[in-house]
C-alpha atoms as a PDB file:
ATOM      1  CA  MET A   1     103.967 119.344 134.920  1.00  0.00           C
ATOM      2  CA  ARG A   2     100.534 117.765 134.664  1.00  0.00           C
ATOM      3  CA  LYS A   3      99.693 119.801 131.542  1.00  0.00           C
ATOM      4  CA  THR A   4     102.968 118.734 129.921  1.00  0.00           C
ATOM      5  CA  ARG A   5     102.214 115.049 130.510  1.00  0.00           C
ATOM      6  CA  PHE A   6      98.697 115.468 129.183  1.00  0.00           C
ATOM      7  CA  GLY A   7     100.012 117.282 126.099  1.00  0.00           C
ATOM      8  CA  LEU A   8     102.566 114.523 125.402  1.00  0.00           C
ATOM      9  CA  LEU A   9      99.912 111.861 125.902  1.00  0.00           C
ATOM     10  CA  LEU A  10      97.563 113.643 123.494  1.00  0.00           C
ATOM     11  CA  VAL A  11     100.273 113.956 120.831  1.00  0.00           C
ATOM     12  CA  GLY A  12     101.156 110.271 121.281  1.00  0.00           C
ATOM     13  CA  VAL A  13      97.533 109.190 120.867  1.00  0.00           C
ATOM     14  CA  VAL A  14      97.097 111.279 117.702  1.00  0.00           C
ATOM     15  CA  VAL A  15     100.300 109.853 116.201  1.00  0.00           C
ATOM     16  CA  LEU A  16      99.427 106.257 117.127  1.00  0.00           C
ATOM     17  CA  ILE A  17      95.958 106.336 115.599  1.00  0.00           C
ATOM     18  CA  ALA A  18      97.343 107.083 112.127  1.00  0.00           C
ATOM     19  CA  CYS A  19      97.523 103.377 111.379  1.00  0.00           C
ATOM     20  CA  ALA A  20      98.897 103.379 107.799  1.00  0.00           C
ATOM     21  CA  SER A  21     101.564 105.968 108.619  1.00  0.00           C
ATOM     22  CA  ILE A  22     102.937 103.655 111.289  1.00  0.00           C
ATOM     23  CA  ILE A  23     102.485 100.304 109.563  1.00  0.00           C
ATOM     24  CA  HIS A  24     103.740 100.940 106.037  1.00  0.00           C
ATOM     25  CA  GLY A  25     104.943 104.528 106.033  1.00  0.00           C
ATOM     26  CA  THR A  26     104.629 107.402 103.616  1.00  0.00           C
ATOM     27  CA  ARG A  27     107.161 106.028 101.089  1.00  0.00           C
ATOM     28  CA  GLN A  28     107.140 102.856  98.995  1.00  0.00           C
ATOM     29  CA  SER A  29     110.098 100.864  97.652  1.00  0.00           C
ATOM     30  CA  VAL A  30     109.752 100.341  93.898  1.00  0.00           C
ATOM     31  CA  GLY A  31     112.205  98.133  92.004  1.00  0.00           C
ATOM     32  CA  ILE A  32     113.209  99.537  88.612  1.00  0.00           C
ATOM     33  CA  THR A  33     115.072  97.403  86.048  1.00  0.00           C
ATOM     34  CA  SER A  34     115.831  97.582  82.349  1.00  0.00           C
ATOM     35  CA  ILE A  35     117.244  95.425  79.576  1.00  0.00           C
ATOM     36  CA  PRO A  36     119.923  96.485  78.886  1.00  0.00           C
ATOM     37  CA  SER A  37     120.850  97.755  82.334  1.00  0.00           C
ATOM     38  CA  ALA A  38     122.620 100.990  83.320  1.00  0.00           C
ATOM     39  CA  ALA A  39     119.805 103.116  81.884  1.00  0.00           C
ATOM     40  CA  THR A  40     119.051 106.490  83.468  1.00  0.00           C
ATOM     41  CA  VAL A  41     115.849 106.693  85.533  1.00  0.00           C
ATOM     42  CA  TYR A  42     113.781 109.854  86.025  1.00  0.00           C
ATOM     43  CA  ASP A  43     110.773 110.403  88.281  1.00  0.00           C
ATOM     44  CA  ASN A  44     108.591 113.316  87.145  1.00  0.00           C
ATOM     45  CA  GLY A  45     111.647 114.751  85.382  1.00  0.00           C
ATOM     46  CA  GLN A  46     113.997 114.398  88.376  1.00  0.00           C
ATOM     47  CA  LEU A  47     117.044 112.140  88.089  1.00  0.00           C
ATOM     48  CA  LEU A  48     116.808 109.059  90.344  1.00  0.00           C
ATOM     49  CA  GLY A  49     119.807 106.990  89.229  1.00  0.00           C
ATOM     50  CA  LYS A  50     120.703 104.022  87.004  1.00  0.00           C
ATOM     51  CA  THR A  51     119.035 100.654  86.566  1.00  0.00           C
ATOM     52  CA  PRO A  52     118.815  98.304  88.347  1.00  0.00           C
ATOM     53  CA  MET A  53     117.719 100.248  91.408  1.00  0.00           C
ATOM     54  CA  VAL A  54     115.166 100.502  94.183  1.00  0.00           C
ATOM     55  CA  ALA A  55     113.523 103.920  94.427  1.00  0.00           C
ATOM     56  CA  GLU A  56     111.851 105.163  97.606  1.00  0.00           C
ATOM     57  CA  LEU A  57     108.836 107.021  96.229  1.00  0.00           C
ATOM     58  CA  SER A  58     106.245 109.091  98.046  1.00  0.00           C
ATOM     59  CA  ARG A  59     102.879 107.358  98.255  1.00  0.00           C
ATOM     60  CA  LYS A  60     101.145 110.758  98.148  1.00  0.00           C
ATOM     61  CA  THR A  61     101.338 111.383  94.373  1.00  0.00           C
ATOM     62  CA  ASP A  62     101.439 109.563  91.040  1.00  0.00           C
ATOM     63  CA  HIS A  63     104.890 109.130  89.479  1.00  0.00           C
ATOM     64  CA  ARG A  64     105.844 109.331  85.793  1.00  0.00           C
ATOM     65  CA  ILE A  65     108.876 107.066  85.445  1.00  0.00           C
ATOM     66  CA  ARG A  66     111.076 107.591  82.364  1.00  0.00           C
ATOM     67  CA  ILE A  67     113.976 105.301  81.523  1.00  0.00           C
ATOM     68  CA  GLU A  68     116.542 106.460  78.949  1.00  0.00           C
ATOM     69  CA  LEU A  69     119.655 104.906  77.422  1.00  0.00           C
ATOM     70  CA  GLU A  70     121.691 106.284  74.518  1.00  0.00           C
ATOM     71  CA  GLY A  71     120.789 104.502  71.273  1.00  0.00           C
ATOM     72  CA  TYR A  72     117.461 103.236  72.652  1.00  0.00           C
ATOM     73  CA  GLN A  73     113.918 104.578  72.565  1.00  0.00           C
ATOM     74  CA  PRO A  74     112.874 106.027  75.948  1.00  0.00           C
ATOM     75  CA  TYR A  75     110.456 103.994  78.065  1.00  0.00           C
ATOM     76  CA  GLU A  76     107.746 105.693  80.131  1.00  0.00           C
ATOM     77  CA  MET A  77     105.100 104.506  82.536  1.00  0.00           C
ATOM     78  CA  VAL A  78     102.989 106.004  85.292  1.00  0.00           C
ATOM     79  CA  LEU A  79     102.769 104.601  88.801  1.00  0.00           C
ATOM     80  CA  THR A  80      99.355 105.534  90.164  1.00  0.00           C
ATOM     81  CA  ARG A  81      98.209 105.713  93.741  1.00  0.00           C
ATOM     82  CA  HIS A  82      95.417 103.455  94.949  1.00  0.00           C
ATOM     83  CA  ILE A  83      93.698 103.304  98.319  1.00  0.00           C
ATOM     84  CA  SER A  84      95.544 100.947 100.674  1.00  0.00           C
ATOM     85  CA  GLY A  85      93.864  98.274 102.748  1.00  0.00           C
ATOM     86  CA  TRP A  86      95.125 100.146 105.814  1.00  0.00           C
ATOM     87  CA  LEU A  87      92.173 102.500 105.337  1.00  0.00           C
ATOM     88  CA  PHE A  88      90.054  99.790 106.969  1.00  0.00           C
ATOM     89  CA  GLY A  89      92.517  99.582 109.879  1.00  0.00           C
ATOM     90  CA  ASN A  90      91.925 103.293 110.416  1.00  0.00           C
ATOM     91  CA  LEU A  91      88.179 102.802 110.283  1.00  0.00           C
ATOM     92  CA  LEU A  92      88.466 100.197 113.054  1.00  0.00           C
ATOM     93  CA  PHE A  93      91.224 101.663 115.237  1.00  0.00           C
ATOM     94  CA  GLY A  94      92.061 105.226 114.276  1.00  0.00           C
ATOM     95  CA  GLY A  95      88.749 106.756 113.414  1.00  0.00           C
ATOM     96  CA  ILE A  96      88.394 109.924 111.415  1.00  0.00           C
ATOM     97  CA  ILE A  97      91.560 111.494 112.869  1.00  0.00           C
ATOM     98  CA  GLY A  98      93.677 108.556 111.664  1.00  0.00           C
ATOM     99  CA  ILE A  99      92.138 108.752 108.201  1.00  0.00           C
ATOM    100  CA  ILE A 100      92.792 112.505 108.001  1.00  0.00           C
ATOM    101  CA  ILE A 101      96.427 112.103 109.071  1.00  0.00           C
ATOM    102  CA  ASP A 102      97.082 109.226 106.662  1.00  0.00           C
ATOM    103  CA  ALA A 103      95.385 111.035 103.770  1.00  0.00           C
ATOM    104  CA  ALA A 104      97.439 114.182 104.450  1.00  0.00           C
ATOM    105  CA  ASP A 105     100.795 112.390 104.490  1.00  0.00           C
ATOM    106  CA  GLY A 106      99.939 109.907 101.702  1.00  0.00           C
ATOM    107  CA  ALA A 107     100.207 106.766 103.838  1.00  0.00           C
ATOM    108  CA  ILE A 108      96.655 105.818 102.880  1.00  0.00           C
ATOM    109  CA  TYR A 109      97.858 104.927  99.338  1.00  0.00           C
ATOM    110  CA  ASN A 110      99.844 102.194  97.566  1.00  0.00           C
ATOM    111  CA  LEU A 111     101.619 102.776  94.255  1.00  0.00           C
ATOM    112  CA  LYS A 112     100.800 100.394  91.401  1.00  0.00           C
ATOM    113  CA  PRO A 113     102.430  98.678  89.690  1.00  0.00           C
ATOM    114  CA  GLU A 114     104.883  97.849  92.458  1.00  0.00           C
ATOM    115  CA  ALA A 115     107.841  97.347  90.085  1.00  0.00           C
ATOM    116  CA  VAL A 116     109.011  98.727  86.732  1.00  0.00           C
ATOM    117  CA  SER A 117     110.726  96.494  84.174  1.00  0.00           C
ATOM    118  CA  ALA A 118     111.624  98.103  80.846  1.00  0.00           C
ATOM    119  CA  ASN A 119     112.715  96.127  77.786  1.00  0.00           C
ATOM    120  CA  LEU A 120     114.354  98.942  75.813  1.00  0.00           C
ATOM    121  CA  VAL A 121     114.119  98.961  72.007  1.00  0.00           C
ATOM    122  CA  LYS A 122     116.996 100.216  69.857  1.00  0.00           C
ATOM    123  CA  VAL A 123     116.339 103.431  67.920  1.00  0.00           C
ATOM    124  CA  GLY A 124     115.067 102.588  64.438  1.00  0.00           C
ATOM    125  CA  GLU A 125     114.161  99.000  65.388  1.00  0.00           C
ATOM    126  CA  ASP A 126     110.584  97.793  65.016  1.00  0.00           C
ATOM    127  CA  PRO A 127     109.670  95.996  68.270  1.00  0.00           C
ATOM    128  CA  SER A 128     107.048  93.897  66.455  1.00  0.00           C
ATOM    129  CA  GLN A 129     109.825  92.339  64.334  1.00  0.00           C
ATOM    130  CA  LYS A 130     111.736  90.949  67.312  1.00  0.00           C
ATOM    131  CA  THR A 131     112.083  87.188  67.171  1.00  0.00           C
ATOM    132  CA  GLY A 132     113.118  86.632  70.779  1.00  0.00           C
ATOM    133  CA  LEU A 133     110.872  85.514  73.588  1.00  0.00           C
ATOM    134  CA  VAL A 134     110.748  87.451  76.853  1.00  0.00           C
ATOM    135  CA  ILE A 135     109.573  85.585  79.926  1.00  0.00           C
ATOM    136  CA  SER A 136     108.875  87.396  83.169  1.00  0.00           C
ATOM    137  CA  VAL A 137     108.334  85.653  86.480  1.00  0.00           C
ATOM    138  CA  VAL A 138     106.313  87.663  88.995  1.00  0.00           C
ATOM    139  CA  LEU A 139     105.245  86.855  92.527  1.00  0.00           C
ATOM    140  CA  GLY A 140     101.758  88.312  92.160  1.00  0.00           C
ATOM    141  CA  ALA A 141      99.279  88.664  89.334  1.00  0.00           C
ATOM    142  CA  PRO A 142     100.015  91.833  87.312  1.00  0.00           C
ATOM    143  CA  GLU A 143      97.289  94.328  86.433  1.00  0.00           C
ATOM    144  CA  HIS A 144      98.278  94.167  82.778  1.00  0.00           C
ATOM    145  CA  GLY A 145      99.482  91.270  80.688  1.00  0.00           C
ATOM    146  CA  GLU A 146      98.270  87.727  80.427  1.00  0.00           C
ATOM    147  CA  ARG A 147      99.106  84.780  82.649  1.00  0.00           C
ATOM    148  CA  ILE A 148      99.921  81.818  80.419  1.00  0.00           C
ATOM    149  CA  GLY A 149     101.294  79.361  82.937  1.00  0.00           C
ATOM    150  CA  GLN A 150     102.365  78.689  86.471  1.00  0.00           C
ATOM    151  CA  LEU A 151     105.521  77.142  87.902  1.00  0.00           C
ATOM    152  CA  THR A 152     104.984  74.245  90.263  1.00  0.00           C
ATOM    153  CA  PRO A 153     107.576  72.436  92.360  1.00  0.00           C
ATOM    154  CA  LEU A 154     108.700  68.999  91.228  1.00  0.00           C
ATOM    155  CA  PRO A 155     107.664  66.085  93.415  1.00  0.00           C
ATOM    156  CA  GLU A 156     110.319  64.832  95.789  1.00  0.00           C
ATOM    157  CA  GLY A 157     112.243  61.860  94.460  1.00  0.00           C
ATOM    158  CA  SER A 158     111.887  62.778  90.782  1.00  0.00           C
ATOM    159  CA  ALA A 159     115.064  62.716  88.696  1.00  0.00           C
ATOM    160  CA  ALA A 160     114.973  66.499  88.102  1.00  0.00           C
ATOM    161  CA  SER A 161     114.488  67.374  91.786  1.00  0.00           C
ATOM    162  CA  ASP A 162     117.556  65.269  92.687  1.00  0.00           C
ATOM    163  CA  ARG A 163     119.768  67.606  90.621  1.00  0.00           C
ATOM    164  CA  ARG A 164     119.170  70.569  92.940  1.00  0.00           C
END
């Protein structure tokens, strides 16, 4: 009986010190959208579904996302894994055992970018000849692209804020 309790306690301690595995898990939610929608999404050649969707992807490996729609050129991008800030939580609380566990199950990583948004181009169309303007609003600064402005709330009492 005493050995059983000690064994359960030891297993519990080992599981609890894998900080990243507990806090943010071994899978990451990645939003995938396309214009036009209803495009087929593949992850490393495996069918995931249709856009728009949220895919639960393993943090352990990189992912080659391919988006296809009949009559449009396919869109591809790679989500790469980067060391998560939870590594430092393991250094403080979990020690080497926590780092080993999180590295083995992939919880030590984050996938970047955190969302995929594909603007599909019709077959035979030259994307440089498009005359439209595409504006994307993101909550965080992207790794690629250029920030050209920032939205700010209108002051209370202004004519535009009264129309809300």
